[in-house]
Amino acid sequence: YSLGYMGFLALVSLVVAYFGRKLPDAFNEARFITFSM
């Protein structure tokens, strides 16, 4: 359950970062977060 909860947080981060990956380069940390997740 504990591991699954962390996986859920990571999945949410991945989804949000994926949608933000094409933002202008001033905000391009979303791309790095996508790869890290």
Full PDB file with SEQRES, HELIX, SHEET, SSBOND, CRYST1, ORIGX, SCALE, CONECT and MASTER records, all heavy atoms in Angstrom:
SEQRES   1 A   37  TYR SER LEU GLY TYR MET GLY PHE LEU ALA LEU VAL SER          
SEQRES   2 A   37  LEU VAL VAL ALA TYR PHE GLY ARG LYS LEU PRO ASP ALA          
SEQRES   3 A   37  PHE ASN GLU ALA ARG PHE ILE THR PHE SER MET                  
HELIX    1 AA1 SER A    2  PHE A   19  1                                  18    
HELIX    2 AA2 ASP A   25  PHE A   27  5                                   3    
HELIX    3 AA3 GLU A   29  SER A   36  1                                   8    
CRYST1    1.000    1.000    1.000  90.00  90.00  90.00 P 1           1          
ORIGX1      1.000000  0.000000  0.000000        0.00000                         
ORIGX2      0.000000  1.000000  0.000000        0.00000                         
ORIGX3      0.000000  0.000000  1.000000        0.00000                         
SCALE1      1.000000  0.000000  0.000000        0.00000                         
SCALE2      0.000000  1.000000  0.000000        0.00000                         
SCALE3      0.000000  0.000000  1.000000        0.00000                         
ATOM      1  N   TYR A   1       0.844  -1.194   0.000  1.00  0.00           N  
ATOM      2  CA  TYR A   1       0.000   0.000   0.000  1.00  0.00           C  
ATOM      3  C   TYR A   1       0.883   1.249   0.000  1.00  0.00           C  
ATOM      4  O   TYR A   1       0.634   2.210  -0.741  1.00  0.00           O  
ATOM      5  CB  TYR A   1      -0.910   0.029   1.233  1.00  0.00           C  
ATOM      6  CG  TYR A   1      -2.010  -1.007   1.231  1.00  0.00           C  
ATOM      7  CD1 TYR A   1      -2.592  -1.439   2.431  1.00  0.00           C  
ATOM      8  CD2 TYR A   1      -2.485  -1.550   0.042  1.00  0.00           C  
ATOM      9  CE1 TYR A   1      -3.600  -2.392   2.432  1.00  0.00           C  
ATOM     10  CE2 TYR A   1      -3.485  -2.501   0.035  1.00  0.00           C  
ATOM     11  CZ  TYR A   1      -4.040  -2.916   1.235  1.00  0.00           C  
ATOM     12  OH  TYR A   1      -5.038  -3.863   1.240  1.00  0.00           O  
ATOM     13  N   SER A   2       1.903   1.224   0.855  1.00  0.00           N  
ATOM     14  CA  SER A   2       2.831   2.354   0.932  1.00  0.00           C  
ATOM     15  C   SER A   2       3.555   2.554  -0.393  1.00  0.00           C  
ATOM     16  O   SER A   2       3.670   3.677  -0.900  1.00  0.00           O  
ATOM     17  CB  SER A   2       3.843   2.114   2.058  1.00  0.00           C  
ATOM     18  OG  SER A   2       4.824   3.131   2.096  1.00  0.00           O  
ATOM     19  N   LEU A   3       4.027   1.459  -0.966  1.00  0.00           N  
ATOM     20  CA  LEU A   3       4.722   1.523  -2.250  1.00  0.00           C  
ATOM     21  C   LEU A   3       3.774   1.965  -3.362  1.00  0.00           C  
ATOM     22  O   LEU A   3       4.142   2.769  -4.226  1.00  0.00           O  
ATOM     23  CB  LEU A   3       5.317   0.153  -2.573  1.00  0.00           C  
ATOM     24  CG  LEU A   3       6.286   0.071  -3.750  1.00  0.00           C  
ATOM     25  CD1 LEU A   3       7.534   0.894  -3.469  1.00  0.00           C  
ATOM     26  CD2 LEU A   3       6.659  -1.377  -4.030  1.00  0.00           C  
ATOM     27  N   GLY A   4       2.551   1.461  -3.323  1.00  0.00           N  
ATOM     28  CA  GLY A   4       1.565   1.830  -4.329  1.00  0.00           C  
ATOM     29  C   GLY A   4       1.194   3.300  -4.264  1.00  0.00           C  
ATOM     30  O   GLY A   4       0.963   3.941  -5.305  1.00  0.00           O  
ATOM     31  N   TYR A   5       1.147   3.848  -3.055  1.00  0.00           N  
ATOM     32  CA  TYR A   5       0.839   5.273  -2.907  1.00  0.00           C  
ATOM     33  C   TYR A   5       1.932   6.124  -3.543  1.00  0.00           C  
ATOM     34  O   TYR A   5       1.636   7.099  -4.244  1.00  0.00           O  
ATOM     35  CB  TYR A   5       0.684   5.618  -1.428  1.00  0.00           C  
ATOM     36  CG  TYR A   5       0.505   7.093  -1.163  1.00  0.00           C  
ATOM     37  CD1 TYR A   5      -0.640   7.758  -1.588  1.00  0.00           C  
ATOM     38  CD2 TYR A   5       1.489   7.826  -0.518  1.00  0.00           C  
ATOM     39  CE1 TYR A   5      -0.806   9.118  -1.363  1.00  0.00           C  
ATOM     40  CE2 TYR A   5       1.330   9.180  -0.282  1.00  0.00           C  
ATOM     41  CZ  TYR A   5       0.188   9.815  -0.711  1.00  0.00           C  
ATOM     42  OH  TYR A   5       0.037  11.172  -0.492  1.00  0.00           O  
ATOM     43  N   MET A   6       3.203   5.745  -3.325  1.00  0.00           N  
ATOM     44  CA  MET A   6       4.299   6.478  -3.958  1.00  0.00           C  
ATOM     45  C   MET A   6       4.239   6.337  -5.476  1.00  0.00           C  
ATOM     46  O   MET A   6       4.531   7.286  -6.222  1.00  0.00           O  
ATOM     47  CB  MET A   6       5.643   5.991  -3.423  1.00  0.00           C  
ATOM     48  CG  MET A   6       5.934   6.449  -2.007  1.00  0.00           C  
ATOM     49  SD  MET A   6       7.581   5.974  -1.440  1.00  0.00           S  
ATOM     50  CE  MET A   6       7.320   4.229  -1.100  1.00  0.00           C  
ATOM     51  N   GLY A   7       3.859   5.146  -5.931  1.00  0.00           N  
ATOM     52  CA  GLY A   7       3.702   4.949  -7.367  1.00  0.00           C  
ATOM     53  C   GLY A   7       2.593   5.818  -7.939  1.00  0.00           C  
ATOM     54  O   GLY A   7       2.722   6.351  -9.054  1.00  0.00           O  
ATOM     55  N   PHE A   8       1.512   5.984  -7.176  1.00  0.00           N  
ATOM     56  CA  PHE A   8       0.414   6.854  -7.603  1.00  0.00           C  
ATOM     57  C   PHE A   8       0.885   8.300  -7.745  1.00  0.00           C  
ATOM     58  O   PHE A   8       0.582   8.974  -8.740  1.00  0.00           O  
ATOM     59  CB  PHE A   8      -0.731   6.765  -6.598  1.00  0.00           C  
ATOM     60  CG  PHE A   8      -1.804   7.805  -6.797  1.00  0.00           C  
ATOM     61  CD1 PHE A   8      -2.716   7.687  -7.844  1.00  0.00           C  
ATOM     62  CD2 PHE A   8      -1.909   8.899  -5.937  1.00  0.00           C  
ATOM     63  CE1 PHE A   8      -3.699   8.656  -8.030  1.00  0.00           C  
ATOM     64  CE2 PHE A   8      -2.888   9.857  -6.123  1.00  0.00           C  
ATOM     65  CZ  PHE A   8      -3.781   9.736  -7.177  1.00  0.00           C  
ATOM     66  N   LEU A   9       1.660   8.790  -6.759  1.00  0.00           N  
ATOM     67  CA  LEU A   9       2.192  10.154  -6.832  1.00  0.00           C  
ATOM     68  C   LEU A   9       3.110  10.317  -8.041  1.00  0.00           C  
ATOM     69  O   LEU A   9       3.064  11.335  -8.735  1.00  0.00           O  
ATOM     70  CB  LEU A   9       2.959  10.495  -5.551  1.00  0.00           C  
ATOM     71  CG  LEU A   9       2.151  10.586  -4.250  1.00  0.00           C  
ATOM     72  CD1 LEU A   9       3.081  10.935  -3.090  1.00  0.00           C  
ATOM     73  CD2 LEU A   9       1.047  11.631  -4.369  1.00  0.00           C  
ATOM     74  N   ALA A  10       3.940   9.300  -8.277  1.00  0.00           N  
ATOM     75  CA  ALA A  10       4.849   9.359  -9.422  1.00  0.00           C  
ATOM     76  C   ALA A  10       4.075   9.372 -10.736  1.00  0.00           C  
ATOM     77  O   ALA A  10       4.430  10.092 -11.678  1.00  0.00           O  
ATOM     78  CB  ALA A  10       5.807   8.173  -9.389  1.00  0.00           C  
ATOM     79  N   LEU A  11       3.001   8.591 -10.796  1.00  0.00           N  
ATOM     80  CA  LEU A  11       2.189   8.530 -12.017  1.00  0.00           C  
ATOM     81  C   LEU A  11       1.503   9.870 -12.272  1.00  0.00           C  
ATOM     82  O   LEU A  11       1.453  10.349 -13.417  1.00  0.00           O  
ATOM     83  CB  LEU A  11       1.154   7.412 -11.899  1.00  0.00           C  
ATOM     84  CG  LEU A  11       0.292   7.149 -13.145  1.00  0.00           C  
ATOM     85  CD1 LEU A  11       1.187   6.751 -14.321  1.00  0.00           C  
ATOM     86  CD2 LEU A  11      -0.729   6.058 -12.861  1.00  0.00           C  
ATOM     87  N   VAL A  12       0.979  10.493 -11.214  1.00  0.00           N  
ATOM     88  CA  VAL A  12       0.354  11.810 -11.361  1.00  0.00           C  
ATOM     89  C   VAL A  12       1.383  12.827 -11.851  1.00  0.00           C  
ATOM     90  O   VAL A  12       1.110  13.640 -12.749  1.00  0.00           O  
ATOM     91  CB  VAL A  12      -0.270  12.270 -10.028  1.00  0.00           C  
ATOM     92  CG1 VAL A  12      -0.765  13.718 -10.134  1.00  0.00           C  
ATOM     93  CG2 VAL A  12      -1.425  11.358  -9.635  1.00  0.00           C  
ATOM     94  N   SER A  13       2.591  12.785 -11.271  1.00  0.00           N  
ATOM     95  CA  SER A  13       3.660  13.684 -11.708  1.00  0.00           C  
ATOM     96  C   SER A  13       3.994  13.467 -13.181  1.00  0.00           C  
ATOM     97  O   SER A  13       4.201  14.423 -13.933  1.00  0.00           O  
ATOM     98  CB  SER A  13       4.921  13.471 -10.864  1.00  0.00           C  
ATOM     99  OG  SER A  13       4.692  13.771  -9.509  1.00  0.00           O  
ATOM    100  N   LEU A  14       4.050  12.203 -13.580  1.00  0.00           N  
ATOM    101  CA  LEU A  14       4.356  11.873 -14.969  1.00  0.00           C  
ATOM    102  C   LEU A  14       3.296  12.422 -15.912  1.00  0.00           C  
ATOM    103  O   LEU A  14       3.617  13.021 -16.952  1.00  0.00           O  
ATOM    104  CB  LEU A  14       4.466  10.356 -15.121  1.00  0.00           C  
ATOM    105  CG  LEU A  14       4.642   9.820 -16.552  1.00  0.00           C  
ATOM    106  CD1 LEU A  14       5.934  10.348 -17.172  1.00  0.00           C  
ATOM    107  CD2 LEU A  14       4.645   8.294 -16.545  1.00  0.00           C  
ATOM    108  N   VAL A  15       2.029  12.247 -15.560  1.00  0.00           N  
ATOM    109  CA  VAL A  15       0.938  12.703 -16.426  1.00  0.00           C  
ATOM    110  C   VAL A  15       0.944  14.225 -16.541  1.00  0.00           C  
ATOM    111  O   VAL A  15       0.852  14.787 -17.643  1.00  0.00           O  
ATOM    112  CB  VAL A  15      -0.419  12.206 -15.882  1.00  0.00           C  
ATOM    113  CG1 VAL A  15      -1.574  12.854 -16.649  1.00  0.00           C  
ATOM    114  CG2 VAL A  15      -0.507  10.690 -15.981  1.00  0.00           C  
ATOM    115  N   VAL A  16       1.076  14.921 -15.404  1.00  0.00           N  
ATOM    116  CA  VAL A  16       1.081  16.386 -15.424  1.00  0.00           C  
ATOM    117  C   VAL A  16       2.288  16.903 -16.199  1.00  0.00           C  
ATOM    118  O   VAL A  16       2.179  17.839 -17.002  1.00  0.00           O  
ATOM    119  CB  VAL A  16       1.090  16.950 -13.988  1.00  0.00           C  
ATOM    120  CG1 VAL A  16       1.194  18.476 -14.010  1.00  0.00           C  
ATOM    121  CG2 VAL A  16      -0.179  16.531 -13.249  1.00  0.00           C  
ATOM    122  N   ALA A  17       3.454  16.298 -15.970  1.00  0.00           N  
ATOM    123  CA  ALA A  17       4.667  16.724 -16.672  1.00  0.00           C  
ATOM    124  C   ALA A  17       4.550  16.451 -18.172  1.00  0.00           C  
ATOM    125  O   ALA A  17       5.039  17.244 -18.993  1.00  0.00           O  
ATOM    126  CB  ALA A  17       5.886  16.010 -16.103  1.00  0.00           C  
ATOM    127  N   TYR A  18       3.909  15.359 -18.528  1.00  0.00           N  
ATOM    128  CA  TYR A  18       3.744  15.025 -19.948  1.00  0.00           C  
ATOM    129  C   TYR A  18       2.922  16.095 -20.661  1.00  0.00           C  
ATOM    130  O   TYR A  18       3.260  16.515 -21.772  1.00  0.00           O  
ATOM    131  CB  TYR A  18       3.073  13.663 -20.082  1.00  0.00           C  
ATOM    132  CG  TYR A  18       2.821  13.256 -21.517  1.00  0.00           C  
ATOM    133  CD1 TYR A  18       3.852  12.715 -22.287  1.00  0.00           C  
ATOM    134  CD2 TYR A  18       1.569  13.401 -22.093  1.00  0.00           C  
ATOM    135  CE1 TYR A  18       3.634  12.341 -23.604  1.00  0.00           C  
ATOM    136  CE2 TYR A  18       1.336  13.035 -23.411  1.00  0.00           C  
ATOM    137  CZ  TYR A  18       2.365  12.504 -24.157  1.00  0.00           C  
ATOM    138  OH  TYR A  18       2.134  12.147 -25.470  1.00  0.00           O  
ATOM    139  N   PHE A  19       1.866  16.547 -20.018  1.00  0.00           N  
ATOM    140  CA  PHE A  19       1.042  17.587 -20.630  1.00  0.00           C  
ATOM    141  C   PHE A  19       1.769  18.932 -20.701  1.00  0.00           C  
ATOM    142  O   PHE A  19       1.429  19.783 -21.529  1.00  0.00           O  
ATOM    143  CB  PHE A  19      -0.268  17.752 -19.855  1.00  0.00           C  
ATOM    144  CG  PHE A  19      -1.267  16.662 -20.125  1.00  0.00           C  
ATOM    145  CD1 PHE A  19      -1.647  15.790 -19.124  1.00  0.00           C  
ATOM    146  CD2 PHE A  19      -1.817  16.503 -21.387  1.00  0.00           C  
ATOM    147  CE1 PHE A  19      -2.564  14.770 -19.367  1.00  0.00           C  
ATOM    148  CE2 PHE A  19      -2.731  15.495 -21.643  1.00  0.00           C  
ATOM    149  CZ  PHE A  19      -3.110  14.617 -20.636  1.00  0.00           C  
ATOM    150  N   GLY A  20       2.769  19.109 -19.821  1.00  0.00           N  
ATOM    151  CA  GLY A  20       3.502  20.378 -19.818  1.00  0.00           C  
ATOM    152  C   GLY A  20       4.807  20.340 -20.578  1.00  0.00           C  
ATOM    153  O   GLY A  20       5.557  21.309 -20.583  1.00  0.00           O  
ATOM    154  N   ARG A  21       5.082  19.217 -21.266  1.00  0.00           N  
ATOM    155  CA  ARG A  21       6.396  19.060 -21.895  1.00  0.00           C  
ATOM    156  C   ARG A  21       6.621  19.998 -23.078  1.00  0.00           C  
ATOM    157  O   ARG A  21       7.759  20.273 -23.464  1.00  0.00           O  
ATOM    158  CB  ARG A  21       6.578  17.618 -22.354  1.00  0.00           C  
ATOM    159  CG  ARG A  21       5.763  17.247 -23.587  1.00  0.00           C  
ATOM    160  CD  ARG A  21       5.693  15.764 -23.830  1.00  0.00           C  
ATOM    161  NE  ARG A  21       5.082  15.434 -25.113  1.00  0.00           N  
ATOM    162  CZ  ARG A  21       3.791  15.510 -25.368  1.00  0.00           C  
ATOM    163  NH1 ARG A  21       2.960  15.921 -24.424  1.00  0.00           N  
ATOM    164  NH2 ARG A  21       3.323  15.192 -26.567  1.00  0.00           N  
ATOM    165  N   LYS A  22       5.531  20.504 -23.704  1.00  0.00           N  
ATOM    166  CA  LYS A  22       5.668  21.358 -24.881  1.00  0.00           C  
ATOM    167  C   LYS A  22       5.515  22.841 -24.559  1.00  0.00           C  
ATOM    168  O   LYS A  22       5.340  23.656 -25.470  1.00  0.00           O  
ATOM    169  CB  LYS A  22       4.639  20.952 -25.942  1.00  0.00           C  
ATOM    170  CG  LYS A  22       4.892  19.565 -26.536  1.00  0.00           C  
ATOM    171  CD  LYS A  22       3.929  19.250 -27.657  1.00  0.00           C  
ATOM    172  CE  LYS A  22       4.236  17.884 -28.269  1.00  0.00           C  
ATOM    173  NZ  LYS A  22       3.309  17.547 -29.372  1.00  0.00           N  
ATOM    174  N   LEU A  23       5.575  23.172 -23.273  1.00  0.00           N  
ATOM    175  CA  LEU A  23       5.522  24.580 -22.906  1.00  0.00           C  
ATOM    176  C   LEU A  23       6.770  25.293 -23.411  1.00  0.00           C  
ATOM    177  O   LEU A  23       7.785  24.651 -23.704  1.00  0.00           O  
ATOM    178  CB  LEU A  23       5.423  24.719 -21.387  1.00  0.00           C  
ATOM    179  CG  LEU A  23       4.137  24.202 -20.737  1.00  0.00           C  
ATOM    180  CD1 LEU A  23       4.227  24.339 -19.230  1.00  0.00           C  
ATOM    181  CD2 LEU A  23       2.918  24.936 -21.266  1.00  0.00           C  
ATOM    182  N   PRO A  24       6.734  26.617 -23.507  1.00  0.00           N  
ATOM    183  CA  PRO A  24       7.936  27.355 -23.933  1.00  0.00           C  
ATOM    184  C   PRO A  24       9.130  27.003 -23.061  1.00  0.00           C  
ATOM    185  O   PRO A  24       8.991  26.594 -21.913  1.00  0.00           O  
ATOM    186  CB  PRO A  24       7.519  28.822 -23.753  1.00  0.00           C  
ATOM    187  CG  PRO A  24       6.038  28.805 -23.900  1.00  0.00           C  
ATOM    188  CD  PRO A  24       5.583  27.502 -23.308  1.00  0.00           C  
ATOM    189  N   ASP A  25      10.332  27.195 -23.583  1.00  0.00           N  
ATOM    190  CA  ASP A  25      11.542  26.736 -22.917  1.00  0.00           C  
ATOM    191  C   ASP A  25      11.796  27.367 -21.568  1.00  0.00           C  
ATOM    192  O   ASP A  25      12.590  26.875 -20.785  1.00  0.00           O  
ATOM    193  CB  ASP A  25      12.754  26.969 -23.813  1.00  0.00           C  
ATOM    194  CG  ASP A  25      12.913  25.867 -24.853  1.00  0.00           C  
ATOM    195  OD1 ASP A  25      12.059  24.962 -24.885  1.00  0.00           O  
ATOM    196  OD2 ASP A  25      13.860  25.925 -25.611  1.00  0.00           O  
ATOM    197  N   ALA A  26      11.178  28.496 -21.296  1.00  0.00           N  
ATOM    198  CA  ALA A  26      11.341  29.091 -19.968  1.00  0.00           C  
ATOM    199  C   ALA A  26      10.765  28.177 -18.898  1.00  0.00           C  
ATOM    200  O   ALA A  26      11.091  28.283 -17.731  1.00  0.00           O  
ATOM    201  CB  ALA A  26      10.654  30.452 -19.907  1.00  0.00           C  
ATOM    202  N   PHE A  27       9.882  27.256 -19.330  1.00  0.00           N  
ATOM    203  CA  PHE A  27       9.231  26.348 -18.374  1.00  0.00           C  
ATOM    204  C   PHE A  27       9.554  24.884 -18.694  1.00  0.00           C  
ATOM    205  O   PHE A  27       8.802  23.990 -18.352  1.00  0.00           O  
ATOM    206  CB  PHE A  27       7.709  26.552 -18.421  1.00  0.00           C  
ATOM    207  CG  PHE A  27       7.291  27.971 -18.213  1.00  0.00           C  
ATOM    208  CD1 PHE A  27       7.078  28.795 -19.299  1.00  0.00           C  
ATOM    209  CD2 PHE A  27       7.149  28.486 -16.939  1.00  0.00           C  
ATOM    210  CE1 PHE A  27       6.697  30.113 -19.122  1.00  0.00           C  
ATOM    211  CE2 PHE A  27       6.766  29.804 -16.760  1.00  0.00           C  
ATOM    212  CZ  PHE A  27       6.535  30.623 -17.850  1.00  0.00           C  
ATOM    213  N   ASN A  28      10.682  24.636 -19.383  1.00  0.00           N  
ATOM    214  CA  ASN A  28      10.937  23.307 -19.922  1.00  0.00           C  
ATOM    215  C   ASN A  28      11.398  22.288 -18.899  1.00  0.00           C  
ATOM    216  O   ASN A  28      11.790  21.199 -19.278  1.00  0.00           O  
ATOM    217  CB  ASN A  28      11.943  23.382 -21.073  1.00  0.00           C  
ATOM    218  CG  ASN A  28      13.350  23.729 -20.587  1.00  0.00           C  
ATOM    219  OD1 ASN A  28      13.544  24.136 -19.442  1.00  0.00           O  
ATOM    220  ND2 ASN A  28      14.311  23.580 -21.460  1.00  0.00           N  
ATOM    221  N   GLU A  29      11.381  22.588 -17.594  1.00  0.00           N  
ATOM    222  CA  GLU A  29      11.730  21.588 -16.595  1.00  0.00           C  
ATOM    223  C   GLU A  29      10.757  20.423 -16.628  1.00  0.00           C  
ATOM    224  O   GLU A  29      11.091  19.314 -16.190  1.00  0.00           O  
ATOM    225  CB  GLU A  29      11.763  22.211 -15.205  1.00  0.00           C  
ATOM    226  CG  GLU A  29      12.405  21.330 -14.160  1.00  0.00           C  
ATOM    227  CD  GLU A  29      12.531  22.000 -12.814  1.00  0.00           C  
ATOM    228  OE1 GLU A  29      11.645  22.812 -12.476  1.00  0.00           O  
ATOM    229  OE2 GLU A  29      13.506  21.721 -12.113  1.00  0.00           O  
ATOM    230  N   ALA A  30       9.561  20.650 -17.159  1.00  0.00           N  
ATOM    231  CA  ALA A  30       8.571  19.575 -17.268  1.00  0.00           C  
ATOM    232  C   ALA A  30       9.098  18.427 -18.123  1.00  0.00           C  
ATOM    233  O   ALA A  30       8.772  17.264 -17.889  1.00  0.00           O  
ATOM    234  CB  ALA A  30       7.264  20.109 -17.854  1.00  0.00           C  
ATOM    235  N   ARG A  31       9.934  18.732 -19.102  1.00  0.00           N  
ATOM    236  CA  ARG A  31      10.495  17.682 -19.953  1.00  0.00           C  
ATOM    237  C   ARG A  31      11.426  16.783 -19.141  1.00  0.00           C  
ATOM    238  O   ARG A  31      11.390  15.558 -19.262  1.00  0.00           O  
ATOM    239  CB  ARG A  31      11.254  18.303 -21.119  1.00  0.00           C  
ATOM    240  CG  ARG A  31      10.386  19.188 -21.999  1.00  0.00           C  
ATOM    241  CD  ARG A  31      11.221  19.852 -23.061  1.00  0.00           C  
ATOM    242  NE  ARG A  31      10.409  20.791 -23.841  1.00  0.00           N  
ATOM    243  CZ  ARG A  31      10.885  21.540 -24.823  1.00  0.00           C  
ATOM    244  NH1 ARG A  31      12.166  21.456 -25.144  1.00  0.00           N  
ATOM    245  NH2 ARG A  31      10.099  22.373 -25.479  1.00  0.00           N  
ATOM    246  N   PHE A  32      12.270  17.402 -18.331  1.00  0.00           N  
ATOM    247  CA  PHE A  32      13.193  16.626 -17.512  1.00  0.00           C  
ATOM    248  C   PHE A  32      12.441  15.807 -16.465  1.00  0.00           C  
ATOM    249  O   PHE A  32      12.815  14.674 -16.163  1.00  0.00           O  
ATOM    250  CB  PHE A  32      14.203  17.549 -16.822  1.00  0.00           C  
ATOM    251  CG  PHE A  32      14.979  18.418 -17.785  1.00  0.00           C  
ATOM    252  CD1 PHE A  32      15.156  19.770 -17.538  1.00  0.00           C  
ATOM    253  CD2 PHE A  32      15.516  17.871 -18.935  1.00  0.00           C  
ATOM    254  CE1 PHE A  32      15.871  20.557 -18.417  1.00  0.00           C  
ATOM    255  CE2 PHE A  32      16.238  18.653 -19.824  1.00  0.00           C  
ATOM    256  CZ  PHE A  32      16.416  20.010 -19.566  1.00  0.00           C  
ATOM    257  N   ILE A  33      11.386  16.396 -15.911  1.00  0.00           N  
ATOM    258  CA  ILE A  33      10.586  15.676 -14.926  1.00  0.00           C  
ATOM    259  C   ILE A  33       9.896  14.475 -15.576  1.00  0.00           C  
ATOM    260  O   ILE A  33       9.785  13.404 -14.970  1.00  0.00           O  
ATOM    261  CB  ILE A  33       9.555  16.622 -14.279  1.00  0.00           C  
ATOM    262  CG1 ILE A  33      10.271  17.670 -13.420  1.00  0.00           C  
ATOM    263  CG2 ILE A  33       8.558  15.837 -13.424  1.00  0.00           C  
ATOM    264  CD1 ILE A  33       9.354  18.714 -12.823  1.00  0.00           C  
ATOM    265  N   THR A  34       9.436  14.636 -16.819  1.00  0.00           N  
ATOM    266  CA  THR A  34       8.808  13.527 -17.533  1.00  0.00           C  
ATOM    267  C   THR A  34       9.767  12.351 -17.656  1.00  0.00           C  
ATOM    268  O   THR A  34       9.418  11.198 -17.363  1.00  0.00           O  
ATOM    269  CB  THR A  34       8.346  13.972 -18.938  1.00  0.00           C  
ATOM    270  OG1 THR A  34       7.433  15.065 -18.819  1.00  0.00           O  
ATOM    271  CG2 THR A  34       7.672  12.822 -19.665  1.00  0.00           C  
ATOM    272  N   PHE A  35      10.996  12.626 -18.081  1.00  0.00           N  
ATOM    273  CA  PHE A  35      11.990  11.553 -18.216  1.00  0.00           C  
ATOM    274  C   PHE A  35      12.302  10.932 -16.854  1.00  0.00           C  
ATOM    275  O   PHE A  35      12.431   9.703 -16.741  1.00  0.00           O  
ATOM    276  CB  PHE A  35      13.272  12.106 -18.843  1.00  0.00           C  
ATOM    277  CG  PHE A  35      13.158  12.398 -20.312  1.00  0.00           C  
ATOM    278  CD1 PHE A  35      13.451  13.653 -20.811  1.00  0.00           C  
ATOM    279  CD2 PHE A  35      12.752  11.410 -21.200  1.00  0.00           C  
ATOM    280  CE1 PHE A  35      13.336  13.929 -22.169  1.00  0.00           C  
ATOM    281  CE2 PHE A  35      12.638  11.672 -22.558  1.00  0.00           C  
ATOM    282  CZ  PHE A  35      12.925  12.941 -23.046  1.00  0.00           C  
ATOM    283  N   SER A  36      12.445  11.768 -15.839  1.00  0.00           N  
ATOM    284  CA  SER A  36      12.783  11.242 -14.510  1.00  0.00           C  
ATOM    285  C   SER A  36      11.671  10.353 -13.969  1.00  0.00           C  
ATOM    286  O   SER A  36      11.931   9.306 -13.354  1.00  0.00           O  
ATOM    287  CB  SER A  36      13.064  12.385 -13.538  1.00  0.00           C  
ATOM    288  OG  SER A  36      11.891  13.129 -13.245  1.00  0.00           O  
ATOM    289  N   MET A  37      10.425  10.712 -14.191  1.00  0.00           N  
ATOM    290  CA  MET A  37       9.310   9.910 -13.722  1.00  0.00           C  
ATOM    291  C   MET A  37       9.162   8.615 -14.520  1.00  0.00           C  
ATOM    292  O   MET A  37       8.740   7.585 -13.990  1.00  0.00           O  
ATOM    293  CB  MET A  37       7.999  10.715 -13.792  1.00  0.00           C  
ATOM    294  CG  MET A  37       7.885  11.789 -12.723  1.00  0.00           C  
ATOM    295  SD  MET A  37       7.793  11.092 -11.040  1.00  0.00           S  
ATOM    296  CE  MET A  37       9.465  11.316 -10.479  1.00  0.00           C  
TER     297      MET A  37                                                      
MASTER        0    0    0    3    0    0    0    6  296    1    0    3          
END                                                                             
